[in-house]
Amino acid sequence: MKKFTLSMTVIVFLFLNSNAQDEEVRGHYKSDGLYLSMALGGGYLSINNDITNGPYNNMKMKGPGMAFDFKLGGAVKDNLILHADIMTVNSSSADVTADGEELGTISGDNSVGVMMFGAGTTYYFMPQNVFISGTLGIGGFTITSGENTSSTQKGFGLFVKLGKEWWISKNWDLGLSAGFNYTNVNNKADDMTEKLSGTSFGLCVNATFN
């Protein structure tokens, strides 16, 4: 009886293991097909503005804020995804300095932010379910006061992201991610020229369908 029980246990184990491998082959617990990823969390934004023919020669804005990014695409092969991407970091408590003088802190219904649109790729290292992604595109800076938002002209944008996810169902992952954005813009208005460069960081909760 003991030998029979042991044999049956081994057979059941092999059967279950085979089923698990078959599920992976069928697309469960790997990144394939439709890809949708959303991330939301805290961030930090830093903007440097070199000004020509303006009230100041240089202005800096730095502060914590909210970070968000959204990716939509599909796998071109197992664990390799191509996608469109939108990301933003907004700060409603940024400190502002001009020519080295502290002007104050953005507050209330006011905020400063960066937004970027682009196309990128994400690769998952399995079975650890660790991913790295990179996106190139166009980005710009925004100033919001109440319901009114003003935007700069657009320039170069780069967004890179590293994260780790855990499967919570056959197609949904939940995890943590860290992102970095760099945006560079030449902005012109009348006779004034602004050379803006900004960096932002975000630490987010990541939810992914694939």
Protein backbone atom coordinates (compact mmCIF):
# COMPACT_ATOMS: atom_id res chain seq x y z
CA MET A 1 0.00 0.00 0.00
CA LYS A 2 2.84 2.37 0.82
CA LYS A 3 4.53 1.68 -2.52
CA PHE A 4 1.24 2.23 -4.36
CA THR A 5 0.62 5.47 -2.50
CA LEU A 6 4.13 6.71 -3.27
CA SER A 7 3.80 5.78 -6.93
CA MET A 8 0.45 7.50 -7.24
CA THR A 9 1.85 10.60 -5.53
CA VAL A 10 4.70 10.74 -8.04
CA ILE A 11 2.31 10.25 -10.96
CA VAL A 12 -0.01 12.99 -9.68
CA PHE A 13 2.96 15.30 -9.18
CA LEU A 14 4.22 14.69 -12.70
CA PHE A 15 0.71 15.22 -14.11
CA LEU A 16 0.27 18.53 -12.29
CA ASN A 17 3.73 19.70 -13.32
CA SER A 18 2.99 18.77 -16.93
CA ASN A 19 -0.27 20.73 -16.78
CA ALA A 20 1.54 23.77 -15.40
CA GLN A 21 4.06 23.60 -18.25
CA ASP A 22 1.24 23.24 -20.78
CA GLU A 23 -0.40 26.35 -19.36
CA GLU A 24 2.82 28.27 -19.85
CA VAL A 25 2.99 27.05 -23.43
CA ARG A 26 -0.62 28.19 -23.95
CA GLY A 27 0.33 31.67 -22.74
CA HIS A 28 -0.35 31.70 -18.99
CA TYR A 29 2.27 33.21 -16.71
CA LYS A 30 4.32 34.74 -19.46
CA SER A 31 4.09 38.05 -21.28
CA ASP A 32 2.38 37.55 -24.65
CA GLY A 33 -0.60 38.91 -26.56
CA LEU A 34 -2.29 42.18 -25.64
CA TYR A 35 -0.30 44.34 -23.23
CA LEU A 36 -1.84 47.00 -20.98
CA SER A 37 0.12 48.48 -18.09
CA MET A 38 -0.73 51.27 -15.64
CA ALA A 39 1.38 52.79 -12.87
CA LEU A 40 0.54 55.36 -10.20
CA GLY A 41 2.61 56.63 -7.31
CA GLY A 42 4.83 59.35 -5.89
CA GLY A 43 7.44 61.28 -7.83
CA TYR A 44 9.92 64.14 -7.79
CA LEU A 45 10.30 66.79 -10.50
CA SER A 46 13.21 69.13 -11.24
CA ILE A 47 13.13 71.72 -14.04
CA ASN A 48 15.93 74.08 -15.13
CA ASN A 49 15.02 77.04 -17.34
CA ASP A 50 17.68 79.23 -19.01
CA ILE A 51 15.97 82.41 -20.24
CA THR A 52 16.92 84.95 -22.91
CA ASN A 53 15.21 88.37 -22.96
CA GLY A 54 13.13 87.53 -19.90
CA PRO A 55 12.71 88.93 -16.40
CA TYR A 56 15.32 86.45 -15.15
CA ASN A 57 18.30 84.66 -16.66
CA ASN A 58 17.61 81.34 -14.94
CA MET A 59 14.70 79.77 -13.10
CA LYS A 60 14.55 76.42 -11.26
CA MET A 61 11.51 74.50 -10.02
CA LYS A 62 11.85 71.44 -7.79
CA GLY A 63 9.39 69.47 -5.71
CA PRO A 64 7.55 66.22 -4.97
CA GLY A 65 4.44 65.22 -6.85
CA MET A 66 2.35 62.46 -8.41
CA ALA A 67 3.68 60.14 -11.12
CA PHE A 68 1.58 58.26 -13.66
CA ASP A 69 2.25 56.26 -16.82
CA PHE A 70 0.15 54.14 -19.17
CA LYS A 71 1.33 51.65 -21.80
CA LEU A 72 -0.71 49.92 -24.52
CA GLY A 73 0.68 47.47 -27.05
CA GLY A 74 1.35 43.83 -27.72
CA ALA A 75 4.02 41.13 -27.64
CA VAL A 76 6.10 40.58 -30.78
CA LYS A 77 7.51 37.42 -29.17
CA ASP A 78 7.35 35.87 -25.72
CA ASN A 79 8.20 38.46 -23.06
CA LEU A 80 9.14 41.19 -25.59
CA ILE A 81 6.52 43.93 -25.98
CA LEU A 82 6.17 46.98 -28.20
CA HIS A 83 3.86 49.72 -26.95
CA ALA A 84 2.70 53.33 -27.03
CA ASP A 85 3.36 55.22 -23.82
CA ILE A 86 2.16 58.30 -21.97
CA MET A 87 3.75 59.46 -18.72
CA THR A 88 3.42 62.49 -16.49
CA VAL A 89 4.74 63.87 -13.22
CA ASN A 90 2.98 66.87 -11.61
CA SER A 91 4.01 68.84 -8.55
CA SER A 92 1.70 71.18 -6.66
CA SER A 93 4.36 72.04 -4.07
CA ALA A 94 7.46 72.87 -6.12
CA ASP A 95 9.98 75.40 -4.78
CA VAL A 96 10.83 78.16 -7.27
CA THR A 97 14.12 80.06 -7.45
CA ALA A 98 15.19 82.72 -9.98
CA ASP A 99 18.80 83.79 -10.43
CA GLY A 100 19.54 82.14 -7.08
CA GLU A 101 16.77 83.97 -5.22
CA GLU A 102 13.94 82.00 -3.61
CA LEU A 103 10.60 83.19 -4.99
CA GLY A 104 8.35 80.83 -3.04
CA THR A 105 6.49 77.54 -3.34
CA ILE A 106 3.76 76.64 -5.81
CA SER A 107 0.61 75.85 -3.83
CA GLY A 108 -3.19 75.73 -3.91
CA ASP A 109 -4.72 74.93 -7.29
CA ASN A 110 -1.41 75.62 -9.04
CA SER A 111 1.02 72.99 -10.30
CA VAL A 112 3.95 72.48 -12.62
CA GLY A 113 4.46 69.26 -14.56
CA VAL A 114 6.05 67.30 -17.38
CA MET A 115 4.20 65.13 -19.89
CA MET A 116 5.58 62.81 -22.54
CA PHE A 117 4.15 60.70 -25.39
CA GLY A 118 6.22 58.07 -27.13
CA ALA A 119 6.81 54.54 -28.38
CA GLY A 120 8.89 51.99 -26.57
CA THR A 121 9.69 48.42 -25.73
CA THR A 122 9.50 46.33 -22.56
CA TYR A 123 11.27 43.06 -21.87
CA TYR A 124 10.41 40.60 -19.07
CA PHE A 125 13.07 38.39 -17.52
CA MET A 126 11.30 35.17 -16.63
CA PRO A 127 10.56 33.38 -14.39
CA GLN A 128 11.57 36.24 -12.05
CA ASN A 129 8.96 38.50 -13.73
CA VAL A 130 11.37 41.44 -13.61
CA PHE A 131 11.03 43.94 -16.45
CA ILE A 132 12.90 46.82 -18.00
CA SER A 133 11.43 49.28 -20.49
CA GLY A 134 12.55 52.25 -22.54
CA THR A 135 10.53 54.87 -24.41
CA LEU A 136 11.53 57.65 -26.81
CA GLY A 137 9.14 60.40 -27.78
CA ILE A 138 8.14 64.04 -27.45
CA GLY A 139 7.64 65.85 -24.18
CA GLY A 140 6.81 69.24 -22.77
CA PHE A 141 6.20 71.16 -19.58
CA THR A 142 2.91 72.47 -18.20
CA ILE A 143 1.79 75.13 -15.76
CA THR A 144 -1.70 74.76 -14.29
CA SER A 145 -3.63 77.44 -12.40
CA GLY A 146 -7.12 76.38 -11.41
CA GLU A 147 -8.83 75.05 -14.54
CA ASN A 148 -6.36 76.71 -16.93
CA THR A 149 -3.30 74.86 -18.21
CA SER A 150 -0.51 76.36 -20.33
CA SER A 151 1.97 74.19 -22.21
CA THR A 152 5.41 74.80 -23.66
CA GLN A 153 6.41 73.74 -27.13
CA LYS A 154 7.44 70.10 -27.49
CA GLY A 155 10.90 68.59 -27.48
CA PHE A 156 12.87 65.42 -26.89
CA GLY A 157 11.67 62.97 -24.24
CA LEU A 158 13.17 59.81 -22.75
CA PHE A 159 11.54 57.48 -20.22
CA VAL A 160 13.12 54.38 -18.69
CA LYS A 161 11.56 52.07 -16.14
CA LEU A 162 12.52 49.04 -14.05
CA GLY A 163 10.12 46.89 -12.06
CA LYS A 164 9.13 43.61 -10.50
CA GLU A 165 5.66 42.06 -10.72
CA TRP A 166 3.82 39.10 -9.19
CA TRP A 167 1.05 37.11 -10.86
CA ILE A 168 -2.33 37.53 -9.18
CA SER A 169 -4.27 35.70 -11.94
CA LYS A 170 -3.60 34.07 -15.30
CA ASN A 171 -3.34 37.44 -17.04
CA TRP A 172 -2.94 40.10 -14.35
CA ASP A 173 0.28 41.17 -12.62
CA LEU A 174 0.71 43.52 -9.68
CA GLY A 175 4.06 44.97 -8.66
CA LEU A 176 6.36 47.92 -8.04
CA SER A 177 8.29 50.04 -10.52
CA ALA A 178 10.79 52.89 -10.59
CA GLY A 179 10.85 55.30 -13.52
CA PHE A 180 13.11 58.11 -14.78
CA ASN A 181 12.25 60.77 -17.35
CA TYR A 182 14.39 63.35 -19.13
CA THR A 183 12.80 66.10 -21.25
CA ASN A 184 14.49 68.88 -23.20
CA VAL A 185 12.57 71.73 -24.85
CA ASN A 186 13.36 74.98 -26.64
CA ASN A 187 10.37 77.25 -26.00
CA LYS A 188 9.79 80.59 -27.72
CA ALA A 189 7.20 83.27 -26.98
CA ASP A 190 7.56 86.72 -28.65
CA ASP A 191 11.16 87.83 -28.04
CA MET A 192 11.76 85.54 -25.06
CA THR A 193 13.50 82.18 -25.48
CA GLU A 194 13.55 79.44 -22.87
CA LYS A 195 15.85 76.43 -22.85
CA LEU A 196 14.13 73.98 -20.51
CA SER A 197 15.52 70.69 -19.28
CA GLY A 198 13.83 68.53 -16.70
CA THR A 199 14.27 65.25 -14.89
CA SER A 200 11.69 63.37 -12.91
CA PHE A 201 11.61 60.19 -10.85
CA GLY A 202 8.68 58.05 -9.85
CA LEU A 203 8.12 55.09 -7.53
CA CYS A 204 4.81 53.48 -8.45
CA VAL A 205 2.45 50.56 -7.97
CA ASN A 206 2.22 48.73 -11.29
CA ALA A 207 -0.80 46.83 -12.64
CA THR A 208 -0.39 44.92 -15.91
CA PHE A 209 -2.63 42.82 -18.15
CA ASN A 210 -0.89 40.53 -20.64
